[in-house]
Amino acid sequence: MPVKIRLQRHGKKGKPFYWIVAADGRSKRDGKYLEKLGTYNPNVNPAEINLDIDGAVQWLQNGAQPTDTARAILSYKGAMLKKHLAEGVRKGAMTEEQAEAKFNAWVEEKAKLVATKRDKLATAKAKAKAEALAAEKAVNEARTAVAAEEVAEEALEAEAVETAAEEAPAAVAEETVEGEAVETVTEEATTEVEEKASEVETAADEAPDAVAEEAVEEKTEEAVAETTEEAAEEATEEAAKEEE
């Protein structure tokens, strides 16, 4: 009966988990097996392998043939080396103590290499995580800066609108005051003109016609000139006060 050391698939879809078994070469891959020698988990880095080295060596010595993947796993764990050393002891090339010492030295060296690889992977993972955090922080800071600029612009626009709204009523009030001052001055000037005209008419009634006409004309011209000058002076003074 040809015996093979091979992998038997377990686990779920996308995450396989293997048993290392010694089985009849004529049976199905995931069918019956003669002995379970260990497990192989490729879902982690480095891969996790648990192997009964002595049991695997015993099957190899009995003629079991490993598949390519199983041979790589056995070599990785030292089963192939231990079989080779056992052959040397059987042939008298070395003692059993020497073979055991060589195997233990190889195991220690292998453990150091595996530990170094794990440290490198952990360092690389930590570095990648730190870089990702730094990149995310930079993006967040950029977004915060943009948001702050937008808020500042909106605040300036709102302030400008408020300032314009405050200045508009003041300007309207100034125009209203100026208009009222001009109307007041005009009304006063009109009143004075009417009074002086009345005085002129009264004087005209008392004087002769020719003298009356001249007096009326002179009085009227004087009254209009005085009224115009006074109105202009008053308007200028009021405008200067409002500007102050």
Protein backbone atom coordinates (compact mmCIF):
# COMPACT_ATOMS: atom_id res chain seq x y z
CA MET A 1 0.00 0.00 0.00
CA PRO A 2 1.63 3.28 -1.09
CA VAL A 3 1.51 5.81 1.76
CA LYS A 4 1.76 9.53 1.18
CA ILE A 5 2.28 12.40 3.55
CA ARG A 6 0.05 15.18 2.26
CA LEU A 7 -2.23 18.06 3.20
CA GLN A 8 -5.92 17.61 3.91
CA ARG A 9 -7.97 20.79 3.45
CA HIS A 10 -10.21 22.12 6.21
CA GLY A 11 -11.37 25.61 7.19
CA LYS A 12 -13.87 27.78 5.34
CA LYS A 13 -13.97 29.41 1.91
CA GLY A 14 -11.18 31.93 1.44
CA LYS A 15 -9.46 30.88 4.69
CA PRO A 16 -8.09 27.36 4.27
CA PHE A 17 -6.65 25.38 7.15
CA TYR A 18 -4.76 22.14 6.51
CA TRP A 19 -4.05 18.95 8.38
CA ILE A 20 -0.78 17.18 7.67
CA VAL A 21 -1.69 13.49 7.42
CA ALA A 22 -0.25 10.16 6.40
CA ALA A 23 -2.84 8.57 4.12
CA ASP A 24 -3.28 5.87 1.49
CA GLY A 25 -2.20 7.32 -1.82
CA ARG A 26 -5.33 5.82 -3.45
CA SER A 27 -7.79 7.65 -1.15
CA LYS A 28 -9.33 11.03 -1.84
CA ARG A 29 -7.51 14.15 -0.74
CA ASP A 30 -9.96 14.92 2.05
CA GLY A 31 -10.91 11.30 2.69
CA LYS A 32 -9.74 8.82 5.30
CA TYR A 33 -6.19 9.04 6.66
CA LEU A 34 -3.92 6.74 8.63
CA GLU A 35 -2.46 9.28 11.06
CA LYS A 36 -2.63 13.02 11.66
CA LEU A 37 0.90 14.42 11.95
CA GLY A 38 0.22 18.13 12.38
CA THR A 39 -1.48 21.28 11.10
CA TYR A 40 -0.62 24.07 8.68
CA ASN A 41 -2.22 27.53 8.83
CA PRO A 42 -1.25 29.78 5.87
CA ASN A 43 -3.57 32.62 6.93
CA VAL A 44 -0.91 34.24 9.15
CA ASN A 45 2.56 35.55 8.38
CA PRO A 46 4.79 33.70 8.99
CA ALA A 47 2.68 30.58 8.50
CA GLU A 48 1.87 28.61 11.62
CA ILE A 49 3.00 24.95 11.49
CA ASN A 50 2.59 22.33 14.19
CA LEU A 51 4.27 19.01 13.38
CA ASP A 52 5.01 15.74 15.14
CA ILE A 53 8.61 15.51 13.90
CA ASP A 54 9.32 12.07 15.31
CA GLY A 55 6.11 10.64 13.85
CA ALA A 56 6.89 12.20 10.46
CA VAL A 57 10.44 10.76 10.54
CA GLN A 58 9.03 7.32 11.40
CA TRP A 59 6.69 7.40 8.38
CA LEU A 60 9.52 8.62 6.13
CA GLN A 61 11.73 5.79 7.32
CA ASN A 62 8.88 3.35 6.59
CA GLY A 63 8.80 4.52 2.98
CA ALA A 64 6.06 7.15 2.97
CA GLN A 65 6.43 9.68 0.14
CA PRO A 66 5.58 13.31 0.88
CA THR A 67 3.96 15.55 -1.73
CA ASP A 68 5.89 18.65 -2.85
CA THR A 69 4.09 20.95 -0.40
CA ALA A 70 4.36 18.42 2.43
CA ARG A 71 8.08 17.95 1.70
CA ALA A 72 8.65 21.71 1.94
CA ILE A 73 6.83 21.79 5.29
CA LEU A 74 8.77 18.81 6.65
CA SER A 75 12.04 20.39 5.55
CA TYR A 76 11.04 23.72 7.16
CA LYS A 77 10.37 22.02 10.49
CA GLY A 78 13.52 19.82 10.34
CA ALA A 79 11.94 16.41 9.79
CA MET A 80 13.94 15.79 6.62
CA LEU A 81 17.18 16.80 8.43
CA LYS A 82 16.42 14.52 11.36
CA LYS A 83 15.79 11.60 8.98
CA HIS A 84 19.13 12.32 7.30
CA LEU A 85 20.94 12.42 10.67
CA ALA A 86 19.27 9.17 11.70
CA GLU A 87 20.56 7.55 8.52
CA GLY A 88 24.07 8.78 9.44
CA VAL A 89 23.76 7.28 12.91
CA ARG A 90 22.52 3.98 11.45
CA LYS A 91 25.53 3.88 9.10
CA GLY A 92 27.94 4.75 11.90
CA ALA A 93 28.98 8.13 10.48
CA MET A 94 28.17 9.81 13.82
CA THR A 95 26.89 9.03 17.24
CA GLU A 96 23.34 9.60 18.35
CA GLU A 97 24.50 12.39 20.71
CA GLN A 98 26.28 14.18 17.87
CA ALA A 99 23.20 13.88 15.67
CA GLU A 100 21.01 15.23 18.46
CA ALA A 101 23.40 18.15 19.05
CA LYS A 102 23.41 19.06 15.36
CA PHE A 103 19.63 18.91 15.19
CA ASN A 104 19.21 21.09 18.30
CA ALA A 105 21.69 23.65 16.91
CA TRP A 106 19.73 23.77 13.66
CA VAL A 107 16.45 24.20 15.54
CA GLU A 108 17.86 27.13 17.56
CA GLU A 109 19.17 28.83 14.42
CA LYS A 110 15.82 28.33 12.71
CA ALA A 111 14.00 29.80 15.69
CA LYS A 112 16.23 32.90 15.57
CA LEU A 113 15.49 33.37 11.87
CA VAL A 114 11.76 33.04 12.46
CA ALA A 115 11.91 35.52 15.37
CA THR A 116 13.85 37.98 13.20
CA LYS A 117 11.26 37.70 10.46
CA ARG A 118 8.44 38.28 12.93
CA ASP A 119 10.20 41.35 14.31
CA LYS A 120 10.68 42.76 10.82
CA LEU A 121 7.03 42.16 9.99
CA ALA A 122 5.91 43.78 13.23
CA THR A 123 8.17 46.79 12.61
CA ALA A 124 6.92 47.16 9.05
CA LYS A 125 3.32 46.91 10.24
CA ALA A 126 3.86 49.54 12.94
CA LYS A 127 5.61 51.82 10.45
CA ALA A 128 2.79 51.45 7.93
CA LYS A 129 0.24 52.21 10.64
CA ALA A 130 2.17 55.31 11.76
CA GLU A 131 2.42 56.56 8.18
CA ALA A 132 -1.29 55.99 7.66
CA LEU A 133 -2.07 57.94 10.84
CA ALA A 134 0.26 60.77 9.78
CA ALA A 135 -1.37 60.93 6.34
CA GLU A 136 -4.83 60.95 7.89
CA LYS A 137 -3.76 63.69 10.32
CA ALA A 138 -2.39 65.80 7.44
CA VAL A 139 -5.66 65.39 5.53
CA ASN A 140 -7.69 66.38 8.60
CA GLU A 141 -5.50 69.45 9.20
CA ALA A 142 -5.90 70.51 5.57
CA ARG A 143 -9.68 70.13 5.81
CA THR A 144 -9.71 72.12 9.06
CA ALA A 145 -7.65 74.91 7.48
CA VAL A 146 -9.99 75.11 4.49
CA ALA A 147 -13.03 75.18 6.76
CA ALA A 148 -11.45 77.94 8.88
CA GLU A 149 -10.76 80.03 5.77
CA GLU A 150 -14.35 79.61 4.61
CA VAL A 151 -15.67 80.63 8.04
CA ALA A 152 -13.39 83.70 8.06
CA GLU A 153 -14.57 84.74 4.60
CA GLU A 154 -18.20 84.32 5.63
CA ALA A 155 -17.57 86.40 8.76
CA LEU A 156 -15.96 89.20 6.71
CA GLU A 157 -18.87 89.19 4.27
CA ALA A 158 -21.38 89.33 7.13
CA GLU A 159 -19.45 92.19 8.76
CA ALA A 160 -19.39 94.11 5.49
CA VAL A 161 -23.15 93.66 5.09
CA GLU A 162 -23.77 94.86 8.66
CA THR A 163 -21.53 97.90 8.17
CA ALA A 164 -23.33 98.83 4.96
CA ALA A 165 -26.69 98.41 6.71
CA GLU A 166 -25.55 100.68 9.55
CA GLU A 167 -24.16 103.38 7.23
CA ALA A 168 -27.24 103.52 4.98
CA PRO A 169 -29.68 104.96 7.61
CA ALA A 170 -27.07 107.54 8.67
CA ALA A 171 -26.64 108.74 5.09
CA VAL A 172 -30.43 108.93 4.63
CA ALA A 173 -30.73 110.90 7.88
CA GLU A 174 -28.05 113.39 6.75
CA GLU A 175 -29.83 113.92 3.45
CA THR A 176 -33.12 114.43 5.29
CA VAL A 177 -31.58 116.97 7.66
CA GLU A 178 -30.01 118.89 4.79
CA GLY A 179 -33.33 118.93 2.93
CA GLU A 180 -35.19 120.18 6.01
CA ALA A 181 -32.58 122.92 6.57
CA VAL A 182 -32.90 124.14 2.97
CA GLU A 183 -36.69 124.17 3.20
CA THR A 184 -36.55 126.12 6.47
CA VAL A 185 -34.17 128.70 5.03
CA THR A 186 -36.32 129.04 1.93
CA GLU A 187 -39.50 129.54 3.98
CA GLU A 188 -37.81 132.19 6.16
CA ALA A 189 -36.50 134.00 3.08
CA THR A 190 -39.95 133.96 1.49
CA THR A 191 -41.49 135.33 4.66
CA GLU A 192 -39.00 138.19 4.87
CA VAL A 193 -39.54 139.03 1.22
CA GLU A 194 -43.28 139.14 1.74
CA GLU A 195 -42.86 141.38 4.81
CA LYS A 196 -40.53 143.77 3.00
CA ALA A 197 -42.85 143.80 -0.02
CA SER A 198 -45.70 144.71 2.29
CA GLU A 199 -43.65 147.53 3.73
CA VAL A 200 -42.80 148.74 0.26
CA GLU A 201 -46.47 148.69 -0.77
CA THR A 202 -47.37 150.66 2.33
CA ALA A 203 -44.72 153.26 1.53
CA ALA A 204 -45.87 153.40 -2.05
CA ASP A 205 -49.41 154.19 -0.98
CA GLU A 206 -48.21 157.17 1.08
CA ALA A 207 -45.70 158.62 -1.48
CA PRO A 208 -46.40 160.19 -4.89
CA ASP A 209 -46.78 157.78 -7.77
CA ALA A 210 -43.33 158.36 -9.36
CA VAL A 211 -41.54 158.39 -6.06
CA ALA A 212 -43.59 155.44 -5.01
CA GLU A 213 -42.59 153.45 -8.02
CA GLU A 214 -38.89 154.19 -7.51
CA ALA A 215 -39.14 153.48 -3.82
CA VAL A 216 -40.96 150.26 -4.52
CA GLU A 217 -38.33 149.13 -6.99
CA GLU A 218 -35.43 150.08 -4.69
CA LYS A 219 -37.03 148.52 -1.64
CA THR A 220 -37.85 145.35 -3.54
CA GLU A 221 -34.31 145.01 -4.92
CA GLU A 222 -32.78 145.63 -1.51
CA ALA A 223 -35.12 143.17 0.18
CA VAL A 224 -34.45 140.45 -2.37
CA ALA A 225 -30.67 140.97 -2.18
CA GLU A 226 -30.65 140.96 1.61
CA THR A 227 -32.87 137.92 1.79
CA THR A 228 -30.76 136.02 -0.72
CA GLU A 229 -27.53 136.84 1.11
CA GLU A 230 -28.97 135.90 4.49
CA ALA A 231 -30.38 132.62 3.14
CA ALA A 232 -27.05 131.71 1.57
CA GLU A 233 -25.16 132.51 4.78
CA GLU A 234 -27.56 130.51 6.94
CA ALA A 235 -27.43 127.48 4.58
CA THR A 236 -23.62 127.60 4.59
CA GLU A 237 -23.46 127.78 8.39
CA GLU A 238 -25.91 124.90 8.86
CA ALA A 239 -24.02 122.73 6.36
CA ALA A 240 -20.73 123.44 8.17
CA LYS A 241 -22.29 122.48 11.52
CA GLU A 242 -23.69 119.24 10.13
CA GLU A 243 -20.28 118.31 8.68
CA GLU A 244 -18.68 118.89 12.08
